[in-house]
Amino acid sequence: MNVELILKVAGVGFLVTVVYQVLSKSGRDEQAMLASVAGIIIVLLMIVGELGGLLDTVKNVFGI
């Protein structure tokens, strides 16, 4: 696994946490929830890209 990917996921998590707290304290709970869902989707998209690379490596190793 790439350390760069871990740092990106942690950075997105930190940013989403800050945005969620600011929006929640200002009474915009719906936007705060949308921000957290958007953060989850962004992280999932980053992981899906890495998962594709893993599957390609497995195919090459086994000659599929």
C-alpha atoms as a PDB file:
ATOM      1  CA  MET A   1       0.000   0.000   0.000  1.00  0.00           C
ATOM      2  CA  ASN A   2       1.111   3.475  -0.746  1.00  0.00           C
ATOM      3  CA  VAL A   3       1.791   5.892   2.114  1.00  0.00           C
ATOM      4  CA  GLU A   4       0.659   8.696  -0.167  1.00  0.00           C
ATOM      5  CA  LEU A   5      -2.820   7.184  -0.389  1.00  0.00           C
ATOM      6  CA  ILE A   6      -3.065   6.943   3.400  1.00  0.00           C
ATOM      7  CA  LEU A   7      -2.102  10.599   3.754  1.00  0.00           C
ATOM      8  CA  LYS A   8      -4.662  11.628   1.130  1.00  0.00           C
ATOM      9  CA  VAL A   9      -7.429   9.743   2.916  1.00  0.00           C
ATOM     10  CA  ALA A  10      -6.407  11.270   6.240  1.00  0.00           C
ATOM     11  CA  GLY A  11      -6.346  14.742   4.677  1.00  0.00           C
ATOM     12  CA  VAL A  12      -9.826  14.327   3.230  1.00  0.00           C
ATOM     13  CA  GLY A  13     -11.046  13.052   6.592  1.00  0.00           C
ATOM     14  CA  PHE A  14      -9.557  16.016   8.429  1.00  0.00           C
ATOM     15  CA  LEU A  15     -11.013  18.502   5.946  1.00  0.00           C
ATOM     16  CA  VAL A  16     -14.464  16.914   6.076  1.00  0.00           C
ATOM     17  CA  THR A  17     -14.363  16.941   9.881  1.00  0.00           C
ATOM     18  CA  VAL A  18     -13.573  20.657   9.972  1.00  0.00           C
ATOM     19  CA  VAL A  19     -16.263  21.497   7.420  1.00  0.00           C
ATOM     20  CA  TYR A  20     -18.796  19.341   9.264  1.00  0.00           C
ATOM     21  CA  GLN A  21     -18.065  21.036  12.588  1.00  0.00           C
ATOM     22  CA  VAL A  22     -18.287  24.543  11.130  1.00  0.00           C
ATOM     23  CA  LEU A  23     -21.556  23.820   9.339  1.00  0.00           C
ATOM     24  CA  SER A  24     -23.015  22.015  12.313  1.00  0.00           C
ATOM     25  CA  LYS A  25     -22.221  24.865  14.727  1.00  0.00           C
ATOM     26  CA  SER A  26     -23.807  27.391  12.380  1.00  0.00           C
ATOM     27  CA  GLY A  27     -27.065  25.430  12.283  1.00  0.00           C
ATOM     28  CA  ARG A  28     -26.732  23.994   8.787  1.00  0.00           C
ATOM     29  CA  ASP A  29     -27.043  20.341   9.644  1.00  0.00           C
ATOM     30  CA  GLU A  30     -28.259  19.277   6.197  1.00  0.00           C
ATOM     31  CA  GLN A  31     -25.231  20.778   4.454  1.00  0.00           C
ATOM     32  CA  ALA A  32     -22.963  19.246   7.097  1.00  0.00           C
ATOM     33  CA  MET A  33     -24.379  15.818   6.348  1.00  0.00           C
ATOM     34  CA  LEU A  34     -23.953  16.359   2.605  1.00  0.00           C
ATOM     35  CA  ALA A  35     -20.328  17.363   3.190  1.00  0.00           C
ATOM     36  CA  SER A  36     -19.664  14.158   5.105  1.00  0.00           C
ATOM     37  CA  VAL A  37     -21.328  12.046   2.401  1.00  0.00           C
ATOM     38  CA  ALA A  38     -19.262  13.831  -0.253  1.00  0.00           C
ATOM     39  CA  GLY A  39     -16.099  13.058   1.725  1.00  0.00           C
ATOM     40  CA  ILE A  40     -17.007   9.384   1.895  1.00  0.00           C
ATOM     41  CA  ILE A  41     -17.637   9.285  -1.855  1.00  0.00           C
ATOM     42  CA  ILE A  42     -14.295  10.981  -2.582  1.00  0.00           C
ATOM     43  CA  VAL A  43     -12.416   8.472  -0.430  1.00  0.00           C
ATOM     44  CA  LEU A  44     -14.243   5.546  -2.027  1.00  0.00           C
ATOM     45  CA  LEU A  45     -13.335   6.810  -5.499  1.00  0.00           C
ATOM     46  CA  MET A  46      -9.664   7.042  -4.507  1.00  0.00           C
ATOM     47  CA  ILE A  47      -9.744   3.493  -3.155  1.00  0.00           C
ATOM     48  CA  VAL A  48     -11.518   2.129  -6.248  1.00  0.00           C
ATOM     49  CA  GLY A  49      -8.676   3.466  -8.410  1.00  0.00           C
ATOM     50  CA  GLU A  50      -6.124   1.628  -6.301  1.00  0.00           C
ATOM     51  CA  LEU A  51      -8.241  -1.511  -6.296  1.00  0.00           C
ATOM     52  CA  GLY A  52      -8.199  -1.523 -10.099  1.00  0.00           C
ATOM     53  CA  GLY A  53      -4.415  -1.439 -10.038  1.00  0.00           C
ATOM     54  CA  LEU A  54      -4.378  -4.339  -7.579  1.00  0.00           C
ATOM     55  CA  LEU A  55      -6.614  -6.435  -9.814  1.00  0.00           C
ATOM     56  CA  ASP A  56      -4.367  -5.729 -12.805  1.00  0.00           C
ATOM     57  CA  THR A  57      -1.352  -6.874 -10.794  1.00  0.00           C
ATOM     58  CA  VAL A  58      -3.127 -10.081  -9.776  1.00  0.00           C
ATOM     59  CA  LYS A  59      -4.041 -10.751 -13.412  1.00  0.00           C
ATOM     60  CA  ASN A  60      -0.416 -10.276 -14.475  1.00  0.00           C
ATOM     61  CA  VAL A  61       0.908 -12.533 -11.723  1.00  0.00           C
ATOM     62  CA  PHE A  62      -1.407 -15.395 -12.571  1.00  0.00           C
ATOM     63  CA  GLY A  63      -1.344 -14.792 -16.337  1.00  0.00           C
ATOM     64  CA  ILE A  64      -5.070 -14.348 -16.699  1.00  0.00           C
END
